Full PDB file with SEQRES, HELIX, SHEET, SSBOND, CRYST1, ORIGX, SCALE, CONECT and MASTER records, all heavy atoms in Angstrom:
SEQRES   1 A   33  GLY THR LYS SER PHE PRO GLN THR LEU PRO LEU GLU LYS          
SEQRES   2 A   33  GLY GLU VAL VAL LEU THR PHE ASP ASP GLY PRO TRP PRO          
SEQRES   3 A   33  HIS THR THR ALA ALA ILE LEU                                  
HELIX    1 AA1 THR A   28  ILE A   32  1                                   5    
CRYST1    1.000    1.000    1.000  90.00  90.00  90.00 P 1           1          
ORIGX1      1.000000  0.000000  0.000000        0.00000                         
ORIGX2      0.000000  1.000000  0.000000        0.00000                         
ORIGX3      0.000000  0.000000  1.000000        0.00000                         
SCALE1      1.000000  0.000000  0.000000        0.00000                         
SCALE2      0.000000  1.000000  0.000000        0.00000                         
SCALE3      0.000000  0.000000  1.000000        0.00000                         
ATOM      1  N   GLY A   1      -4.271  -5.052  -8.705  1.00  0.00           N  
ATOM      2  CA  GLY A   1      -2.794  -4.882  -8.543  1.00  0.00           C  
ATOM      3  C   GLY A   1      -2.073  -5.560  -9.644  1.00  0.00           C  
ATOM      4  O   GLY A   1      -2.064  -6.818  -9.719  1.00  0.00           O  
ATOM      5  N   THR A   2      -1.493  -4.831 -10.536  1.00  0.00           N  
ATOM      6  CA  THR A   2      -1.008  -5.390 -11.826  1.00  0.00           C  
ATOM      7  C   THR A   2       0.230  -6.252 -11.623  1.00  0.00           C  
ATOM      8  O   THR A   2       0.623  -6.949 -12.674  1.00  0.00           O  
ATOM      9  CB  THR A   2      -0.680  -4.211 -12.797  1.00  0.00           C  
ATOM     10  OG1 THR A   2       0.185  -3.308 -12.190  1.00  0.00           O  
ATOM     11  CG2 THR A   2      -1.904  -3.511 -13.205  1.00  0.00           C  
ATOM     12  N   LYS A   3       0.884  -6.332 -10.471  1.00  0.00           N  
ATOM     13  CA  LYS A   3       1.937  -7.269 -10.305  1.00  0.00           C  
ATOM     14  C   LYS A   3       1.400  -8.706 -10.156  1.00  0.00           C  
ATOM     15  O   LYS A   3       2.139  -9.661 -10.331  1.00  0.00           O  
ATOM     16  CB  LYS A   3       2.704  -6.949  -9.005  1.00  0.00           C  
ATOM     17  CG  LYS A   3       3.618  -5.717  -9.131  1.00  0.00           C  
ATOM     18  CD  LYS A   3       4.755  -5.975 -10.054  1.00  0.00           C  
ATOM     19  CE  LYS A   3       5.756  -4.848 -10.012  1.00  0.00           C  
ATOM     20  NZ  LYS A   3       6.939  -5.026 -10.921  1.00  0.00           N  
ATOM     21  N   SER A   4       0.062  -8.796  -9.849  1.00  0.00           N  
ATOM     22  CA  SER A   4      -0.612 -10.125  -9.794  1.00  0.00           C  
ATOM     23  C   SER A   4      -1.769 -10.335 -10.651  1.00  0.00           C  
ATOM     24  O   SER A   4      -2.064 -11.517 -10.967  1.00  0.00           O  
ATOM     25  CB  SER A   4      -0.996 -10.315  -8.299  1.00  0.00           C  
ATOM     26  OG  SER A   4       0.069 -10.172  -7.426  1.00  0.00           O  
ATOM     27  N   PHE A   5      -2.414  -9.290 -11.078  1.00  0.00           N  
ATOM     28  CA  PHE A   5      -3.700  -9.466 -11.742  1.00  0.00           C  
ATOM     29  C   PHE A   5      -3.730  -8.569 -12.970  1.00  0.00           C  
ATOM     30  O   PHE A   5      -2.888  -7.646 -13.094  1.00  0.00           O  
ATOM     31  CB  PHE A   5      -4.845  -9.069 -10.861  1.00  0.00           C  
ATOM     32  CG  PHE A   5      -4.856  -9.918  -9.540  1.00  0.00           C  
ATOM     33  CD1 PHE A   5      -4.606  -9.282  -8.312  1.00  0.00           C  
ATOM     34  CD2 PHE A   5      -5.208 -11.208  -9.591  1.00  0.00           C  
ATOM     35  CE1 PHE A   5      -4.601 -10.019  -7.145  1.00  0.00           C  
ATOM     36  CE2 PHE A   5      -5.243 -11.973  -8.405  1.00  0.00           C  
ATOM     37  CZ  PHE A   5      -4.900 -11.416  -7.150  1.00  0.00           C  
ATOM     38  N   PRO A   6      -4.645  -8.782 -13.913  1.00  0.00           N  
ATOM     39  CA  PRO A   6      -4.688  -7.993 -15.132  1.00  0.00           C  
ATOM     40  C   PRO A   6      -5.091  -6.521 -14.913  1.00  0.00           C  
ATOM     41  O   PRO A   6      -4.886  -5.678 -15.720  1.00  0.00           O  
ATOM     42  CB  PRO A   6      -5.716  -8.723 -16.021  1.00  0.00           C  
ATOM     43  CG  PRO A   6      -5.847 -10.072 -15.450  1.00  0.00           C  
ATOM     44  CD  PRO A   6      -5.560  -9.940 -14.003  1.00  0.00           C  
ATOM     45  N   GLN A   7      -5.829  -6.286 -13.781  1.00  0.00           N  
ATOM     46  CA  GLN A   7      -6.358  -4.914 -13.538  1.00  0.00           C  
ATOM     47  C   GLN A   7      -5.899  -4.396 -12.178  1.00  0.00           C  
ATOM     48  O   GLN A   7      -5.474  -5.158 -11.342  1.00  0.00           O  
ATOM     49  CB  GLN A   7      -7.890  -4.998 -13.653  1.00  0.00           C  
ATOM     50  CG  GLN A   7      -8.555  -5.802 -12.555  1.00  0.00           C  
ATOM     51  CD  GLN A   7      -8.505  -7.277 -12.746  1.00  0.00           C  
ATOM     52  OE1 GLN A   7      -8.605  -7.743 -13.980  1.00  0.00           O  
ATOM     53  NE2 GLN A   7      -8.276  -8.050 -11.710  1.00  0.00           N  
ATOM     54  N   THR A   8      -6.167  -3.066 -12.046  1.00  0.00           N  
ATOM     55  CA  THR A   8      -5.901  -2.491 -10.731  1.00  0.00           C  
ATOM     56  C   THR A   8      -7.050  -1.588 -10.407  1.00  0.00           C  
ATOM     57  O   THR A   8      -8.095  -1.584 -11.049  1.00  0.00           O  
ATOM     58  CB  THR A   8      -4.568  -1.711 -10.715  1.00  0.00           C  
ATOM     59  OG1 THR A   8      -4.201  -1.360  -9.414  1.00  0.00           O  
ATOM     60  CG2 THR A   8      -4.619  -0.482 -11.637  1.00  0.00           C  
ATOM     61  N   LEU A   9      -6.870  -0.782  -9.307  1.00  0.00           N  
ATOM     62  CA  LEU A   9      -7.977   0.133  -8.898  1.00  0.00           C  
ATOM     63  C   LEU A   9      -8.104   1.190  -9.947  1.00  0.00           C  
ATOM     64  O   LEU A   9      -7.115   1.528 -10.682  1.00  0.00           O  
ATOM     65  CB  LEU A   9      -7.565   0.812  -7.543  1.00  0.00           C  
ATOM     66  CG  LEU A   9      -7.474  -0.111  -6.363  1.00  0.00           C  
ATOM     67  CD1 LEU A   9      -6.913   0.678  -5.173  1.00  0.00           C  
ATOM     68  CD2 LEU A   9      -8.821  -0.678  -6.007  1.00  0.00           C  
ATOM     69  N   PRO A  10      -9.291   1.733 -10.140  1.00  0.00           N  
ATOM     70  CA  PRO A  10      -9.555   2.779 -11.138  1.00  0.00           C  
ATOM     71  C   PRO A  10      -9.043   4.142 -10.627  1.00  0.00           C  
ATOM     72  O   PRO A  10      -9.759   5.003 -10.204  1.00  0.00           O  
ATOM     73  CB  PRO A  10     -11.091   2.778 -11.310  1.00  0.00           C  
ATOM     74  CG  PRO A  10     -11.567   2.374  -9.960  1.00  0.00           C  
ATOM     75  CD  PRO A  10     -10.572   1.322  -9.432  1.00  0.00           C  
ATOM     76  N   LEU A  11      -7.698   4.219 -10.722  1.00  0.00           N  
ATOM     77  CA  LEU A  11      -7.040   5.476 -10.267  1.00  0.00           C  
ATOM     78  C   LEU A  11      -6.733   6.396 -11.400  1.00  0.00           C  
ATOM     79  O   LEU A  11      -6.493   5.942 -12.516  1.00  0.00           O  
ATOM     80  CB  LEU A  11      -5.684   5.140  -9.548  1.00  0.00           C  
ATOM     81  CG  LEU A  11      -5.829   4.213  -8.275  1.00  0.00           C  
ATOM     82  CD1 LEU A  11      -4.445   3.775  -7.782  1.00  0.00           C  
ATOM     83  CD2 LEU A  11      -6.640   4.895  -7.178  1.00  0.00           C  
ATOM     84  N   GLU A  12      -6.662   7.634 -11.154  1.00  0.00           N  
ATOM     85  CA  GLU A  12      -6.221   8.620 -12.106  1.00  0.00           C  
ATOM     86  C   GLU A  12      -4.698   8.733 -12.090  1.00  0.00           C  
ATOM     87  O   GLU A  12      -4.058   8.327 -11.160  1.00  0.00           O  
ATOM     88  CB  GLU A  12      -6.835  10.003 -11.834  1.00  0.00           C  
ATOM     89  CG  GLU A  12      -8.362  10.035 -11.886  1.00  0.00           C  
ATOM     90  CD  GLU A  12      -8.954  11.317 -11.374  1.00  0.00           C  
ATOM     91  OE1 GLU A  12      -8.168  12.228 -11.061  1.00  0.00           O  
ATOM     92  OE2 GLU A  12     -10.150  11.392 -11.283  1.00  0.00           O  
ATOM     93  N   LYS A  13      -4.094   9.210 -13.172  1.00  0.00           N  
ATOM     94  CA  LYS A  13      -2.701   9.378 -13.192  1.00  0.00           C  
ATOM     95  C   LYS A  13      -2.229  10.269 -12.050  1.00  0.00           C  
ATOM     96  O   LYS A  13      -2.809  11.314 -11.768  1.00  0.00           O  
ATOM     97  CB  LYS A  13      -2.263   9.977 -14.552  1.00  0.00           C  
ATOM     98  CG  LYS A  13      -0.720  10.038 -14.741  1.00  0.00           C  
ATOM     99  CD  LYS A  13      -0.354  10.458 -16.128  1.00  0.00           C  
ATOM    100  CE  LYS A  13       1.182  10.555 -16.247  1.00  0.00           C  
ATOM    101  NZ  LYS A  13       1.890   9.343 -15.989  1.00  0.00           N  
ATOM    102  N   GLY A  14      -1.180   9.876 -11.336  1.00  0.00           N  
ATOM    103  CA  GLY A  14      -0.637  10.618 -10.243  1.00  0.00           C  
ATOM    104  C   GLY A  14      -1.264  10.255  -8.912  1.00  0.00           C  
ATOM    105  O   GLY A  14      -0.908  10.896  -7.895  1.00  0.00           O  
ATOM    106  N   GLU A  15      -2.217   9.296  -8.880  1.00  0.00           N  
ATOM    107  CA  GLU A  15      -2.795   8.892  -7.635  1.00  0.00           C  
ATOM    108  C   GLU A  15      -2.097   7.653  -7.056  1.00  0.00           C  
ATOM    109  O   GLU A  15      -1.771   6.783  -7.791  1.00  0.00           O  
ATOM    110  CB  GLU A  15      -4.277   8.594  -7.861  1.00  0.00           C  
ATOM    111  CG  GLU A  15      -5.111   9.825  -8.107  1.00  0.00           C  
ATOM    112  CD  GLU A  15      -6.569   9.621  -8.059  1.00  0.00           C  
ATOM    113  OE1 GLU A  15      -7.039   8.502  -8.417  1.00  0.00           O  
ATOM    114  OE2 GLU A  15      -7.367  10.567  -7.747  1.00  0.00           O  
ATOM    115  N   VAL A  16      -1.935   7.667  -5.744  1.00  0.00           N  
ATOM    116  CA  VAL A  16      -1.097   6.598  -5.100  1.00  0.00           C  
ATOM    117  C   VAL A  16      -1.916   6.085  -3.941  1.00  0.00           C  
ATOM    118  O   VAL A  16      -2.542   6.880  -3.131  1.00  0.00           O  
ATOM    119  CB  VAL A  16       0.196   7.180  -4.544  1.00  0.00           C  
ATOM    120  CG1 VAL A  16       0.997   6.043  -3.884  1.00  0.00           C  
ATOM    121  CG2 VAL A  16       1.022   7.756  -5.667  1.00  0.00           C  
ATOM    122  N   VAL A  17      -2.030   4.776  -3.765  1.00  0.00           N  
ATOM    123  CA  VAL A  17      -2.598   4.113  -2.620  1.00  0.00           C  
ATOM    124  C   VAL A  17      -1.482   3.536  -1.765  1.00  0.00           C  
ATOM    125  O   VAL A  17      -0.723   2.716  -2.274  1.00  0.00           O  
ATOM    126  CB  VAL A  17      -3.568   3.003  -3.075  1.00  0.00           C  
ATOM    127  CG1 VAL A  17      -4.091   2.220  -1.805  1.00  0.00           C  
ATOM    128  CG2 VAL A  17      -4.710   3.612  -3.822  1.00  0.00           C  
ATOM    129  N   LEU A  18      -1.361   3.889  -0.488  1.00  0.00           N  
ATOM    130  CA  LEU A  18      -0.298   3.462   0.392  1.00  0.00           C  
ATOM    131  C   LEU A  18      -0.744   2.227   1.151  1.00  0.00           C  
ATOM    132  O   LEU A  18      -1.788   2.200   1.791  1.00  0.00           O  
ATOM    133  CB  LEU A  18       0.059   4.548   1.415  1.00  0.00           C  
ATOM    134  CG  LEU A  18       0.483   5.885   0.776  1.00  0.00           C  
ATOM    135  CD1 LEU A  18       0.713   6.876   1.941  1.00  0.00           C  
ATOM    136  CD2 LEU A  18       1.661   5.795  -0.120  1.00  0.00           C  
ATOM    137  N   THR A  19       0.072   1.157   1.052  1.00  0.00           N  
ATOM    138  CA  THR A  19      -0.260  -0.094   1.843  1.00  0.00           C  
ATOM    139  C   THR A  19       1.016  -0.503   2.486  1.00  0.00           C  
ATOM    140  O   THR A  19       2.155  -0.395   1.995  1.00  0.00           O  
ATOM    141  CB  THR A  19      -0.745  -1.219   0.893  1.00  0.00           C  
ATOM    142  OG1 THR A  19       0.263  -1.670  -0.007  1.00  0.00           O  
ATOM    143  CG2 THR A  19      -1.976  -0.710   0.064  1.00  0.00           C  
ATOM    144  N   PHE A  20       0.781  -1.171   3.721  1.00  0.00           N  
ATOM    145  CA  PHE A  20       1.857  -1.675   4.564  1.00  0.00           C  
ATOM    146  C   PHE A  20       1.531  -3.099   4.969  1.00  0.00           C  
ATOM    147  O   PHE A  20       0.438  -3.335   5.401  1.00  0.00           O  
ATOM    148  CB  PHE A  20       2.054  -0.842   5.771  1.00  0.00           C  
ATOM    149  CG  PHE A  20       2.533   0.574   5.433  1.00  0.00           C  
ATOM    150  CD1 PHE A  20       1.576   1.628   5.179  1.00  0.00           C  
ATOM    151  CD2 PHE A  20       3.802   0.939   5.394  1.00  0.00           C  
ATOM    152  CE1 PHE A  20       2.000   2.913   4.860  1.00  0.00           C  
ATOM    153  CE2 PHE A  20       4.264   2.242   5.136  1.00  0.00           C  
ATOM    154  CZ  PHE A  20       3.318   3.199   4.843  1.00  0.00           C  
ATOM    155  N   ASP A  21       2.533  -4.006   4.823  1.00  0.00           N  
ATOM    156  CA  ASP A  21       2.291  -5.390   5.215  1.00  0.00           C  
ATOM    157  C   ASP A  21       3.107  -5.754   6.466  1.00  0.00           C  
ATOM    158  O   ASP A  21       4.056  -5.125   6.831  1.00  0.00           O  
ATOM    159  CB  ASP A  21       2.834  -6.323   4.067  1.00  0.00           C  
ATOM    160  CG  ASP A  21       1.861  -6.348   2.901  1.00  0.00           C  
ATOM    161  OD1 ASP A  21       0.886  -5.627   2.875  1.00  0.00           O  
ATOM    162  OD2 ASP A  21       2.114  -7.196   1.970  1.00  0.00           O  
ATOM    163  N   ASP A  22       2.618  -6.875   7.122  1.00  0.00           N  
ATOM    164  CA  ASP A  22       3.332  -7.614   8.136  1.00  0.00           C  
ATOM    165  C   ASP A  22       3.249  -7.142   9.539  1.00  0.00           C  
ATOM    166  O   ASP A  22       3.670  -7.800  10.505  1.00  0.00           O  
ATOM    167  CB  ASP A  22       4.798  -7.863   7.776  1.00  0.00           C  
ATOM    168  CG  ASP A  22       5.062  -8.699   6.558  1.00  0.00           C  
ATOM    169  OD1 ASP A  22       4.030  -9.206   5.983  1.00  0.00           O  
ATOM    170  OD2 ASP A  22       6.206  -8.950   6.173  1.00  0.00           O  
ATOM    171  N   GLY A  23       2.725  -5.988   9.797  1.00  0.00           N  
ATOM    172  CA  GLY A  23       2.642  -5.425  11.109  1.00  0.00           C  
ATOM    173  C   GLY A  23       1.476  -5.974  11.901  1.00  0.00           C  
ATOM    174  O   GLY A  23       0.800  -6.964  11.437  1.00  0.00           O  
ATOM    175  N   PRO A  24       1.165  -5.358  13.055  1.00  0.00           N  
ATOM    176  CA  PRO A  24       1.916  -4.296  13.637  1.00  0.00           C  
ATOM    177  C   PRO A  24       3.260  -4.756  14.333  1.00  0.00           C  
ATOM    178  O   PRO A  24       3.314  -5.836  14.812  1.00  0.00           O  
ATOM    179  CB  PRO A  24       0.977  -3.693  14.624  1.00  0.00           C  
ATOM    180  CG  PRO A  24       0.064  -4.857  15.053  1.00  0.00           C  
ATOM    181  CD  PRO A  24      -0.010  -5.723  13.816  1.00  0.00           C  
ATOM    182  N   TRP A  25       4.197  -3.860  14.362  1.00  0.00           N  
ATOM    183  CA  TRP A  25       5.545  -4.187  14.868  1.00  0.00           C  
ATOM    184  C   TRP A  25       5.980  -3.086  15.861  1.00  0.00           C  
ATOM    185  O   TRP A  25       5.703  -1.944  15.638  1.00  0.00           O  
ATOM    186  CB  TRP A  25       6.527  -4.328  13.766  1.00  0.00           C  
ATOM    187  CG  TRP A  25       7.728  -5.165  14.047  1.00  0.00           C  
ATOM    188  CD1 TRP A  25       9.022  -4.705  14.221  1.00  0.00           C  
ATOM    189  CD2 TRP A  25       7.751  -6.577  14.393  1.00  0.00           C  
ATOM    190  NE1 TRP A  25       9.825  -5.750  14.562  1.00  0.00           N  
ATOM    191  CE2 TRP A  25       9.063  -6.907  14.617  1.00  0.00           C  
ATOM    192  CE3 TRP A  25       6.778  -7.580  14.384  1.00  0.00           C  
ATOM    193  CZ2 TRP A  25       9.512  -8.225  14.948  1.00  0.00           C  
ATOM    194  CZ3 TRP A  25       7.129  -8.882  14.749  1.00  0.00           C  
ATOM    195  CH2 TRP A  25       8.467  -9.155  14.991  1.00  0.00           C  
ATOM    196  N   PRO A  26       6.658  -3.450  16.863  1.00  0.00           N  
ATOM    197  CA  PRO A  26       7.167  -2.427  17.912  1.00  0.00           C  
ATOM    198  C   PRO A  26       7.990  -1.355  17.213  1.00  0.00           C  
ATOM    199  O   PRO A  26       8.826  -1.656  16.373  1.00  0.00           O  
ATOM    200  CB  PRO A  26       7.956  -3.190  18.902  1.00  0.00           C  
ATOM    201  CG  PRO A  26       7.473  -4.638  18.739  1.00  0.00           C  
ATOM    202  CD  PRO A  26       7.117  -4.797  17.294  1.00  0.00           C  
ATOM    203  N   HIS A  27       7.732  -0.112  17.552  1.00  0.00           N  
ATOM    204  CA  HIS A  27       8.571   1.050  17.173  1.00  0.00           C  
ATOM    205  C   HIS A  27       8.304   1.436  15.717  1.00  0.00           C  
ATOM    206  O   HIS A  27       7.960   2.573  15.412  1.00  0.00           O  
ATOM    207  CB  HIS A  27      10.024   0.807  17.421  1.00  0.00           C  
ATOM    208  CG  HIS A  27      10.363   0.319  18.802  1.00  0.00           C  
ATOM    209  ND1 HIS A  27      10.047   1.060  19.945  1.00  0.00           N  
ATOM    210  CD2 HIS A  27      10.996  -0.760  19.257  1.00  0.00           C  
ATOM    211  CE1 HIS A  27      10.427   0.452  21.042  1.00  0.00           C  
ATOM    212  NE2 HIS A  27      11.021  -0.683  20.692  1.00  0.00           N  
ATOM    213  N   THR A  28       8.500   0.529  14.774  1.00  0.00           N  
ATOM    214  CA  THR A  28       8.413   0.915  13.351  1.00  0.00           C  
ATOM    215  C   THR A  28       7.028   1.296  12.926  1.00  0.00           C  
ATOM    216  O   THR A  28       6.772   2.282  12.212  1.00  0.00           O  
ATOM    217  CB  THR A  28       8.930  -0.170  12.405  1.00  0.00           C  
ATOM    218  OG1 THR A  28       8.295  -1.449  12.772  1.00  0.00           O  
ATOM    219  CG2 THR A  28      10.432  -0.347  12.634  1.00  0.00           C  
ATOM    220  N   THR A  29       6.032   0.504  13.397  1.00  0.00           N  
ATOM    221  CA  THR A  29       4.623   0.822  13.056  1.00  0.00           C  
ATOM    222  C   THR A  29       4.269   2.154  13.616  1.00  0.00           C  
ATOM    223  O   THR A  29       3.616   3.038  12.971  1.00  0.00           O  
ATOM    224  CB  THR A  29       3.679  -0.282  13.488  1.00  0.00           C  
ATOM    225  OG1 THR A  29       3.965  -1.493  12.827  1.00  0.00           O  
ATOM    226  CG2 THR A  29       2.228   0.091  13.215  1.00  0.00           C  
ATOM    227  N   ALA A  30       4.579   2.364  14.896  1.00  0.00           N  
ATOM    228  CA  ALA A  30       4.255   3.675  15.478  1.00  0.00           C  
ATOM    229  C   ALA A  30       4.896   4.829  14.785  1.00  0.00           C  
ATOM    230  O   ALA A  30       4.316   5.906  14.640  1.00  0.00           O  
ATOM    231  CB  ALA A  30       4.638   3.642  17.002  1.00  0.00           C  
ATOM    232  N   ALA A  31       6.176   4.647  14.369  1.00  0.00           N  
ATOM    233  CA  ALA A  31       6.889   5.721  13.693  1.00  0.00           C  
ATOM    234  C   ALA A  31       6.202   6.068  12.372  1.00  0.00           C  
ATOM    235  O   ALA A  31       6.126   7.219  11.948  1.00  0.00           O  
ATOM    236  CB  ALA A  31       8.270   5.372  13.528  1.00  0.00           C  
ATOM    237  N   ILE A  32       5.748   5.027  11.648  1.00  0.00           N  
ATOM    238  CA  ILE A  32       5.043   5.226  10.388  1.00  0.00           C  
ATOM    239  C   ILE A  32       3.718   5.872  10.637  1.00  0.00           C  
ATOM    240  O   ILE A  32       3.325   6.824   9.862  1.00  0.00           O  
ATOM    241  CB  ILE A  32       4.879   3.861   9.619  1.00  0.00           C  
ATOM    242  CG1 ILE A  32       6.276   3.454   9.084  1.00  0.00           C  
ATOM    243  CG2 ILE A  32       3.846   4.022   8.497  1.00  0.00           C  
ATOM    244  CD1 ILE A  32       6.312   2.076   8.560  1.00  0.00           C  
ATOM    245  N   LEU A  33       2.980   5.485  11.665  1.00  0.00           N  
ATOM    246  CA  LEU A  33       1.757   6.161  11.993  1.00  0.00           C  
ATOM    247  C   LEU A  33       1.993   7.645  12.348  1.00  0.00           C  
ATOM    248  O   LEU A  33       1.166   8.511  11.897  1.00  0.00           O  
ATOM    249  CB  LEU A  33       1.069   5.464  13.135  1.00  0.00           C  
ATOM    250  CG  LEU A  33       0.442   4.091  12.788  1.00  0.00           C  
ATOM    251  CD1 LEU A  33       0.009   3.388  14.065  1.00  0.00           C  
ATOM    252  CD2 LEU A  33      -0.731   4.269  11.839  1.00  0.00           C  
TER     253      LEU A  33                                                      
MASTER        0    0    0    1    0    0    0    6  252    1    0    3          
END                                                                             
C-alpha cells in the first residue's frame, strides 16, 4: 500500500482491491454487503 510502504500488490492497470475498515456496524455494513 503506497500510502504507507514503498510497494503495493502486483496489480495490473485498472485493477482495484476494495477494503473496508472499522466494522461491522449496524445497518451500514449490511447495506454495503
